[in-house]
């Protein structure tokens, strides 16, 4: 029962809105069915399935709002949750940034749902896991992985007549492979909406290769190096830049997009002119929702074009305050790249470092977008276009803005974390210290 049809969701939401006596009422309803299997030390440790549904009602009297939730959909529970939301609203102080609900909107149908994921059964998870474990064992290594898949829906409605509905599927797989002596580690992550893009053996082979290659790493001196960053490593830094492109923080002087003396860098060139970053919910590889939680259409939009900032995210409140049009937060991020593989980028590197991924990334200075973190699960020294030997992990201090101005090459974009991100070759990447972590 966790996956409701569009008609079923509409009927429930319509009923809830009709029960409300508040000035405005907004309701959201969502549910999912999911399954998972986990293994460690080359043995399955847990497996399970979940089925959840959740409902939230927000009532508003003027600028006073209250929200109540439930996971029961019987008549008594539906009336009770509306009543609780209204009682809370009457007790609440006014919210000066409250915006009235939007009226009806047209939303493009999304392409986020696929039967081949929604119909996955425990036997499939067990079979895929068995193949992965057997291959890891054959190589004399030790693996720990997690495979999770799910199908869900989300729907919203308000007292002004807005209604939106969406279904989606997703499959996520992460795997860490270690050498038996614990000196080498390889990692891989894959996420898809459509099962045709998932190959557990390709992913397993990648992690196995990294683990075997990374054993008995050598220490090198920290400093500035040319780096080849795999898509997962790029995503860790560029993703933080992308999600920091809010208009409000820029206008208030708190952002890397703020200008000294006031104003923002909208329309200015901030990174290499080969960098173009956009979002598109209709992309086949990384499809996303076509509407936001407050009922705004999400459409294809360019954020950075040839290095120039083209758009910022505007909440409805901040857009009204600034006399702008609201721009909702996107459902994915896509960076244009080239055609070269990670191996091609390595071949073009005379001396540098290959980074599989970054870990424990933390902000140092939001106004320069400076971050610190560690390499992890496969860091290697490159010499004369070849991976020569594994090196110990290192701490970095770097800003994606500086990084994207030190760009040498872009590779072919790959899906990572629901986004399409290319591998990159970057010069003068800053490493500050060594780490003994594997």
Protein backbone atom coordinates (compact mmCIF):
# COMPACT_ATOMS: atom_id res chain seq x y z
CA UNK A 1 0.00 0.00 0.00
CA UNK A 2 3.02 2.30 0.23
CA UNK A 3 2.87 3.16 -3.50
CA UNK A 4 -0.35 5.00 -4.22
CA UNK A 5 -1.55 5.78 -7.73
CA UNK A 6 -2.07 9.36 -8.83
CA UNK A 7 -5.84 9.00 -8.40
CA UNK A 8 -5.51 7.43 -4.94
CA UNK A 9 -3.18 10.19 -3.79
CA UNK A 10 -5.45 12.88 -5.23
CA UNK A 11 -8.52 11.53 -3.43
CA UNK A 12 -6.76 11.46 -0.05
CA UNK A 13 -5.27 14.93 -0.43
CA UNK A 14 -8.53 16.41 -1.65
CA UNK A 15 -10.28 15.02 1.39
CA UNK A 16 -7.66 16.47 3.75
CA UNK A 17 -7.86 19.94 2.23
CA UNK A 18 -11.64 19.86 2.49
CA UNK A 19 -11.41 19.21 6.25
CA UNK A 20 -9.38 22.36 6.87
CA UNK A 21 -10.90 25.61 8.14
CA UNK A 22 -7.58 27.50 8.09
CA UNK A 23 -6.83 30.40 5.76
CA UNK A 24 -4.57 28.10 3.79
CA UNK A 25 -3.82 24.39 3.90
CA UNK A 26 -0.96 22.52 2.21
CA UNK A 27 -0.57 18.76 2.28
CA UNK A 28 2.21 16.40 1.20
CA UNK A 29 1.95 12.64 0.91
CA UNK A 30 4.70 10.15 0.12
CA UNK A 31 5.52 6.48 0.36
CA UNK A 32 8.04 3.88 -0.72
CA UNK A 33 8.75 0.19 -0.90
CA UNK A 34 12.41 -0.74 -0.62
CA UNK A 35 14.66 -3.74 -0.15
CA UNK A 36 18.31 -4.19 0.75
CA UNK A 37 21.09 -6.66 1.32
CA UNK A 38 24.35 -6.03 3.17
CA UNK A 39 27.55 -8.05 3.26
CA UNK A 40 30.80 -7.81 5.20
CA UNK A 41 33.87 -10.06 5.39
CA UNK A 42 32.58 -11.73 2.21
CA UNK A 43 29.41 -12.89 3.97
CA UNK A 44 25.85 -11.58 3.86
CA UNK A 45 25.08 -10.06 7.24
CA UNK A 46 21.59 -8.57 6.87
CA UNK A 47 18.75 -8.34 4.39
CA UNK A 48 15.35 -6.76 4.65
CA UNK A 49 12.45 -4.89 3.14
CA UNK A 50 10.60 -1.72 4.17
CA UNK A 51 7.26 -0.21 3.30
CA UNK A 52 6.57 3.29 4.54
CA UNK A 53 4.03 6.05 4.01
CA UNK A 54 3.98 9.54 5.49
CA UNK A 55 1.59 12.45 5.43
CA UNK A 56 2.18 16.07 6.49
CA UNK A 57 -0.42 18.82 6.84
CA UNK A 58 0.50 22.50 7.18
CA UNK A 59 -2.25 24.90 8.24
CA UNK A 60 -1.88 28.68 8.14
CA UNK A 61 -3.79 31.52 9.77
CA UNK A 62 -2.27 34.65 8.34
CA UNK A 63 1.47 34.19 8.86
CA UNK A 64 1.06 31.70 11.69
CA UNK A 65 1.62 28.11 10.63
CA UNK A 66 1.51 24.66 12.17
CA UNK A 67 2.48 21.27 10.77
CA UNK A 68 1.35 17.83 11.90
CA UNK A 69 2.26 14.41 10.52
CA UNK A 70 0.90 10.88 10.52
CA UNK A 71 1.34 7.55 8.76
CA UNK A 72 -2.29 6.49 9.19
CA UNK A 73 -4.75 7.08 6.35
CA UNK A 74 -8.07 6.06 7.91
CA UNK A 75 -10.80 8.67 8.19
CA UNK A 76 -10.32 9.33 11.90
CA UNK A 77 -6.56 9.83 11.54
CA UNK A 78 -6.97 12.16 8.56
CA UNK A 79 -9.36 14.43 10.46
CA UNK A 80 -7.13 14.33 13.54
CA UNK A 81 -3.96 15.36 11.71
CA UNK A 82 -5.70 18.38 10.14
CA UNK A 83 -7.04 19.40 13.54
CA UNK A 84 -3.57 19.12 15.14
CA UNK A 85 -2.00 21.25 12.42
CA UNK A 86 -4.62 23.96 12.94
CA UNK A 87 -4.23 23.89 16.71
CA UNK A 88 -0.45 24.29 16.37
CA UNK A 89 -0.87 27.13 13.89
CA UNK A 90 -3.06 29.09 16.31
CA UNK A 91 -0.37 28.72 19.01
CA UNK A 92 2.54 29.69 16.79
CA UNK A 93 4.15 33.13 16.43
CA UNK A 94 3.97 34.81 13.04
CA UNK A 95 6.57 33.83 10.47
CA UNK A 96 7.59 37.04 8.67
CA UNK A 97 8.89 35.01 5.70
CA UNK A 98 5.75 32.94 5.20
CA UNK A 99 4.50 32.82 1.62
CA UNK A 100 0.96 31.88 0.69
CA UNK A 101 0.59 28.65 -1.30
CA UNK A 102 0.77 28.80 -5.08
CA UNK A 103 -2.23 28.20 -7.31
CA UNK A 104 -2.50 25.47 -9.97
CA UNK A 105 0.56 24.86 -12.14
CA UNK A 106 1.37 22.61 -15.06
CA UNK A 107 4.21 20.15 -14.51
CA UNK A 108 5.93 18.06 -17.15
CA UNK A 109 5.71 14.31 -16.45
CA UNK A 110 9.00 12.99 -15.09
CA UNK A 111 10.89 9.93 -16.35
CA UNK A 112 12.16 8.78 -12.95
CA UNK A 113 10.18 5.52 -12.61
CA UNK A 114 11.17 2.16 -14.11
CA UNK A 115 9.44 -1.18 -13.59
CA UNK A 116 12.73 -3.08 -13.81
CA UNK A 117 13.76 -1.53 -10.48
CA UNK A 118 10.30 -1.45 -8.90
CA UNK A 119 9.93 -5.21 -9.55
CA UNK A 120 13.24 -6.28 -7.99
CA UNK A 121 12.78 -9.23 -5.60
CA UNK A 122 15.02 -10.68 -2.84
CA UNK A 123 16.28 -13.42 -5.17
CA UNK A 124 17.76 -10.80 -7.48
CA UNK A 125 19.60 -9.07 -4.63
CA UNK A 126 20.95 -12.39 -3.37
CA UNK A 127 22.10 -13.45 -6.85
CA UNK A 128 23.86 -10.14 -7.55
CA UNK A 129 25.55 -10.17 -4.16
CA UNK A 130 26.71 -13.76 -4.63
CA UNK A 131 28.46 -12.87 -7.90
CA UNK A 132 30.20 -9.94 -6.25
CA UNK A 133 31.34 -11.91 -3.20
CA UNK A 134 32.60 -14.88 -5.23
CA UNK A 135 34.72 -12.63 -7.42
CA UNK A 136 36.21 -10.86 -4.39
CA UNK A 137 37.04 -14.22 -2.80
CA UNK A 138 38.70 -15.45 -6.01
CA UNK A 139 41.03 -12.47 -5.84
CA UNK A 140 41.97 -13.20 -2.21
CA UNK A 141 40.39 -9.98 -0.94
CA UNK A 142 37.70 -9.01 1.57
CA UNK A 143 34.59 -7.05 0.65
CA UNK A 144 31.83 -5.15 2.41
CA UNK A 145 28.92 -3.90 0.31
CA UNK A 146 25.37 -2.61 0.46
CA UNK A 147 22.77 -2.97 -2.29
CA UNK A 148 19.49 -1.10 -1.86
CA UNK A 149 16.62 -0.53 -4.26
CA UNK A 150 13.28 1.15 -3.94
CA UNK A 151 10.20 2.60 -5.60
CA UNK A 152 8.23 5.51 -4.26
CA UNK A 153 5.77 8.29 -4.91
CA UNK A 154 5.27 11.84 -3.71
CA UNK A 155 2.30 14.17 -4.06
CA UNK A 156 1.32 17.64 -2.89
CA UNK A 157 -1.90 19.64 -2.85
CA UNK A 158 -3.07 22.91 -1.34
CA UNK A 159 -6.27 24.83 -0.75
CA UNK A 160 -5.59 27.03 -3.78
CA UNK A 161 -5.96 24.09 -6.13
CA UNK A 162 -2.37 23.09 -6.80
CA UNK A 163 -1.72 19.37 -7.22
CA UNK A 164 1.42 17.49 -8.25
CA UNK A 165 2.30 13.80 -8.31
CA UNK A 166 5.45 11.86 -9.16
CA UNK A 167 6.74 8.28 -9.03
CA UNK A 168 10.39 7.29 -8.94
CA UNK A 169 12.71 4.32 -8.60
CA UNK A 170 16.31 4.11 -7.48
CA UNK A 171 19.05 1.55 -6.92
CA UNK A 172 22.21 2.29 -4.94
CA UNK A 173 25.28 0.10 -4.54
CA UNK A 174 28.41 0.83 -2.53
CA UNK A 175 31.35 -1.51 -2.04
CA UNK A 176 34.62 -1.32 -0.14
CA UNK A 177 37.21 -4.02 -0.82
CA UNK A 178 40.29 -4.46 1.39
CA UNK A 179 43.40 -6.60 1.21
CA UNK A 180 43.52 -9.24 3.93
CA UNK A 181 46.37 -7.45 5.70
CA UNK A 182 44.36 -4.22 5.69
CA UNK A 183 46.97 -2.17 3.84
CA UNK A 184 45.01 -1.72 0.63
CA UNK A 185 41.48 -0.40 0.05
CA UNK A 186 39.30 0.11 -3.00
CA UNK A 187 35.85 1.71 -3.15
CA UNK A 188 33.10 2.12 -5.69
CA UNK A 189 29.59 3.56 -5.73
CA UNK A 190 26.85 3.25 -8.34
CA UNK A 191 23.35 4.75 -8.41
CA UNK A 192 20.68 4.43 -11.11
CA UNK A 193 16.97 4.91 -11.73
CA UNK A 194 16.93 2.35 -14.52
CA UNK A 195 18.34 -1.15 -13.98
CA UNK A 196 19.76 -1.29 -17.51
CA UNK A 197 22.53 1.07 -16.39
CA UNK A 198 23.63 -1.13 -13.47
CA UNK A 199 26.33 -3.80 -13.68
CA UNK A 200 27.44 -5.13 -10.30
CA UNK A 201 30.42 -6.99 -11.75
CA UNK A 202 31.79 -3.87 -13.45
CA UNK A 203 31.53 -2.08 -10.12
CA UNK A 204 33.05 -4.97 -8.16
CA UNK A 205 35.97 -5.31 -10.57
CA UNK A 206 36.71 -1.61 -10.16
CA UNK A 207 36.86 -1.84 -6.35
CA UNK A 208 38.89 -5.07 -6.48
CA UNK A 209 41.46 -3.53 -8.82
CA UNK A 210 41.81 -0.45 -6.60
CA UNK A 211 42.22 -2.56 -3.46
CA UNK A 212 44.92 -4.77 -4.94
CA UNK A 213 46.80 -1.79 -6.38
CA UNK A 214 46.68 0.30 -3.21
CA UNK A 215 48.39 -2.15 -0.83
CA UNK A 216 51.56 -1.05 0.99
CA UNK A 217 51.25 2.62 0.07
CA UNK A 218 54.27 4.91 0.15
CA UNK A 219 54.43 8.30 1.81
CA UNK A 220 55.22 11.35 -0.31
CA UNK A 221 55.73 14.96 0.68
CA UNK A 222 52.57 17.09 0.82
CA UNK A 223 52.46 20.11 -1.48
CA UNK A 224 50.94 21.24 -4.76
CA UNK A 225 50.44 18.51 -7.34
CA UNK A 226 48.73 17.93 -10.64
CA UNK A 227 45.79 15.62 -9.86
CA UNK A 228 43.50 13.39 -11.87
CA UNK A 229 40.20 13.38 -10.00
CA UNK A 230 37.69 10.63 -10.65
CA UNK A 231 34.03 11.78 -10.89
CA UNK A 232 33.29 10.90 -7.25
CA UNK A 233 36.20 13.09 -6.13
CA UNK A 234 35.11 15.97 -8.37
CA UNK A 235 31.55 15.69 -7.11
CA UNK A 236 32.62 16.09 -3.51
CA UNK A 237 33.95 19.58 -4.19
CA UNK A 238 31.94 20.81 -7.18
CA UNK A 239 28.73 19.59 -5.52
CA UNK A 240 29.45 21.83 -2.55
CA UNK A 241 29.96 24.77 -4.92
CA UNK A 242 26.73 24.03 -6.80
CA UNK A 243 24.61 23.78 -3.67
CA UNK A 244 26.07 27.07 -2.39
CA UNK A 245 24.71 29.09 -5.32
CA UNK A 246 21.84 30.62 -3.35
CA UNK A 247 20.89 34.22 -4.06
CA UNK A 248 20.16 35.12 -0.45
CA UNK A 249 23.58 34.25 0.96
CA UNK A 250 25.18 36.04 -2.00
CA UNK A 251 23.05 39.17 -1.49
CA UNK A 252 23.78 39.17 2.24
CA UNK A 253 27.54 38.99 1.75
CA UNK A 254 27.93 35.46 3.12
CA UNK A 255 28.82 33.64 -0.08
CA UNK A 256 31.63 33.08 -2.55
CA UNK A 257 29.30 34.82 -5.00
CA UNK A 258 29.16 38.00 -2.90
CA UNK A 259 31.06 41.08 -4.10
CA UNK A 260 32.98 43.39 -1.82
CA UNK A 261 30.89 46.47 -1.17
CA UNK A 262 27.64 44.72 -2.07
CA UNK A 263 26.06 42.93 -4.98
CA UNK A 264 26.71 39.51 -6.43
CA UNK A 265 28.87 37.95 -9.12
CA UNK A 266 25.86 37.08 -11.28
CA UNK A 267 26.94 37.62 -14.88
CA UNK A 268 30.64 37.47 -14.02
CA UNK A 269 33.21 34.88 -15.03
CA UNK A 270 34.39 32.94 -11.98
CA UNK A 271 35.96 29.75 -13.41
CA UNK A 272 37.60 28.39 -16.56
CA UNK A 273 35.56 28.99 -19.70
CA UNK A 274 35.35 25.22 -20.31
CA UNK A 275 33.05 24.89 -17.28
CA UNK A 276 29.33 24.75 -18.04
CA UNK A 277 27.00 23.55 -15.29
CA UNK A 278 23.27 23.04 -15.78
CA UNK A 279 20.33 21.01 -14.51
CA UNK A 280 17.73 19.11 -16.50
CA UNK A 281 15.08 16.91 -14.85
CA UNK A 282 14.41 15.22 -18.19
CA UNK A 283 17.96 13.93 -18.66
CA UNK A 284 17.86 10.20 -19.45
CA UNK A 285 20.82 9.21 -17.25
CA UNK A 286 20.02 11.38 -14.20
CA UNK A 287 16.27 12.09 -14.37
CA UNK A 288 14.76 14.20 -11.60
CA UNK A 289 11.50 15.56 -10.29
CA UNK A 290 9.83 18.25 -12.40
CA UNK A 291 8.39 20.12 -9.41
CA UNK A 292 9.66 21.49 -6.12
CA UNK A 293 8.23 20.91 -2.66
CA UNK A 294 6.47 24.27 -2.69
CA UNK A 295 4.88 23.60 -6.07
CA UNK A 296 7.16 25.37 -8.54
CA UNK A 297 7.98 23.78 -11.91
CA UNK A 298 11.59 22.59 -12.20
CA UNK A 299 12.87 23.05 -15.73
CA UNK A 300 16.16 22.81 -17.57
CA UNK A 301 18.36 25.71 -16.46
CA UNK A 302 21.97 26.77 -16.93
CA UNK A 303 23.80 27.91 -13.79
CA UNK A 304 27.33 28.45 -15.10
CA UNK A 305 27.97 28.87 -18.82
CA UNK A 306 31.53 28.97 -20.15
CA UNK A 307 32.69 30.00 -16.71
CA UNK A 308 30.10 32.77 -16.25
CA UNK A 309 27.46 32.68 -13.47
CA UNK A 310 24.07 32.71 -15.21
CA UNK A 311 21.55 31.93 -12.46
CA UNK A 312 21.18 31.69 -8.68
CA UNK A 313 18.60 29.85 -6.58
CA UNK A 314 15.85 32.18 -5.32
CA UNK A 315 13.33 31.12 -2.69
CA UNK A 316 9.89 32.63 -3.21
CA UNK A 317 10.34 34.89 -0.20
CA UNK A 318 13.75 36.19 -1.23
CA UNK A 319 12.68 36.65 -4.84
CA UNK A 320 9.72 38.78 -3.74
CA UNK A 321 11.94 40.81 -1.43
CA UNK A 322 14.50 41.43 -4.17
CA UNK A 323 11.99 41.99 -6.97
CA UNK A 324 13.12 38.85 -8.82
CA UNK A 325 11.49 35.72 -10.16
CA UNK A 326 11.78 32.68 -7.88
CA UNK A 327 14.17 30.00 -9.07
CA UNK A 328 13.65 26.64 -7.32
CA UNK A 329 16.45 24.35 -6.26
CA UNK A 330 17.15 21.84 -9.08
CA UNK A 331 16.72 18.09 -8.87
CA UNK A 332 20.12 17.28 -10.43
CA UNK A 333 23.41 18.81 -11.54
CA UNK A 334 25.11 18.17 -14.88
CA UNK A 335 28.56 19.39 -15.86
CA UNK A 336 29.57 19.31 -19.48
CA UNK A 337 32.82 17.51 -20.21
CA UNK A 338 34.87 15.95 -22.95
CA UNK A 339 35.27 12.46 -24.37
CA UNK A 340 38.38 11.23 -22.57
CA UNK A 341 38.34 8.50 -19.91
CA UNK A 342 40.16 8.57 -16.57
CA UNK A 343 42.87 6.42 -18.18
CA UNK A 344 43.26 8.99 -20.98
CA UNK A 345 43.76 11.73 -18.39
CA UNK A 346 46.38 9.59 -16.63
CA UNK A 347 48.24 9.00 -19.91
CA UNK A 348 48.50 12.76 -20.45
CA UNK A 349 50.03 13.34 -16.99
CA UNK A 350 53.81 13.45 -16.63
CA UNK A 351 53.79 13.62 -12.84
CA UNK A 352 50.78 13.74 -10.53
CA UNK A 353 48.31 12.00 -8.24
CA UNK A 354 45.21 9.93 -9.03
CA UNK A 355 42.39 10.41 -6.47
CA UNK A 356 39.49 7.96 -6.23
CA UNK A 357 37.41 10.04 -3.84
CA UNK A 358 37.49 12.58 -1.03
CA UNK A 359 36.14 11.90 2.45
CA UNK A 360 35.09 13.96 5.47
CA UNK A 361 34.90 17.21 3.51
CA UNK A 362 34.35 20.22 5.77
CA UNK A 363 33.99 23.93 5.12
CA UNK A 364 36.88 26.21 6.17
CA UNK A 365 35.72 29.53 4.68
CA UNK A 366 32.31 29.88 2.94
CA UNK A 367 33.26 33.22 1.40
CA UNK A 368 36.15 31.70 -0.55
CA UNK A 369 34.55 28.24 -0.63
CA UNK A 370 37.68 26.74 0.93
CA UNK A 371 37.28 23.12 2.00
CA UNK A 372 39.41 20.55 3.76
CA UNK A 373 39.17 16.77 3.74
CA UNK A 374 41.06 13.55 3.03
CA UNK A 375 41.72 11.29 0.09
CA UNK A 376 40.52 7.73 0.58
CA UNK A 377 40.24 4.21 -0.89
CA UNK A 378 42.79 4.41 -3.66
CA UNK A 379 45.32 7.24 -4.07
CA UNK A 380 48.16 6.68 -6.54
CA UNK A 381 51.25 8.39 -7.89
CA UNK A 382 51.35 8.99 -11.66
CA UNK A 383 54.62 9.20 -13.56
CA UNK A 384 55.14 9.43 -17.32
CA UNK A 385 51.50 8.68 -18.04
CA UNK A 386 51.26 5.57 -15.85
CA UNK A 387 50.11 4.73 -12.34
CA UNK A 388 53.40 3.82 -10.68
CA UNK A 389 52.56 3.03 -7.06
CA UNK A 390 50.03 3.65 -4.27
CA UNK A 391 50.61 6.55 -1.90
CA UNK A 392 49.38 7.24 1.60
CA UNK A 393 46.25 9.31 1.93
CA UNK A 394 46.64 13.04 2.40
CA UNK A 395 44.66 15.98 3.73
CA UNK A 396 43.82 18.70 1.24
CA UNK A 397 42.90 22.37 1.55
CA UNK A 398 41.29 23.53 -1.65
CA UNK A 399 38.48 25.63 -3.10
CA UNK A 400 36.50 24.34 -6.08
CA UNK A 401 36.70 27.88 -7.49
CA UNK A 402 40.51 27.77 -7.48
CA UNK A 403 40.39 24.18 -8.70
CA UNK A 404 38.16 25.05 -11.67
CA UNK A 405 40.49 27.90 -12.60
CA UNK A 406 43.42 25.46 -12.61
CA UNK A 407 41.69 23.11 -15.02
CA UNK A 408 43.83 21.28 -17.56
CA UNK A 409 41.43 18.67 -18.97
CA UNK A 410 37.84 17.47 -18.67
CA UNK A 411 36.85 13.84 -19.24
CA UNK A 412 33.60 12.13 -20.14
CA UNK A 413 30.82 12.77 -17.56
CA UNK A 414 29.62 9.84 -15.45
CA UNK A 415 26.72 9.48 -13.05
CA UNK A 416 27.66 9.84 -9.39
CA UNK A 417 25.29 10.68 -6.55
CA UNK A 418 22.40 11.45 -8.91
CA UNK A 419 24.49 13.94 -10.93
CA UNK A 420 26.54 13.78 -14.14
CA UNK A 421 30.12 14.80 -13.41
CA UNK A 422 33.27 14.46 -15.54
CA UNK A 423 36.69 13.37 -14.29
CA UNK A 424 39.20 16.23 -14.30
CA UNK A 425 42.87 16.92 -14.55
CA UNK A 426 43.80 19.85 -12.28
CA UNK A 427 47.16 21.55 -11.72
CA UNK A 428 48.48 22.88 -8.39
CA UNK A 429 46.03 21.04 -6.14
CA UNK A 430 47.01 21.66 -2.50
CA UNK A 431 47.80 18.77 -0.12
CA UNK A 432 48.78 19.85 3.38
CA UNK A 433 49.63 16.73 5.41
CA UNK A 434 49.79 12.93 5.44
CA UNK A 435 47.20 10.58 6.92
CA UNK A 436 47.77 7.04 8.19
CA UNK A 437 44.14 6.11 7.46
CA UNK A 438 43.68 3.47 4.74
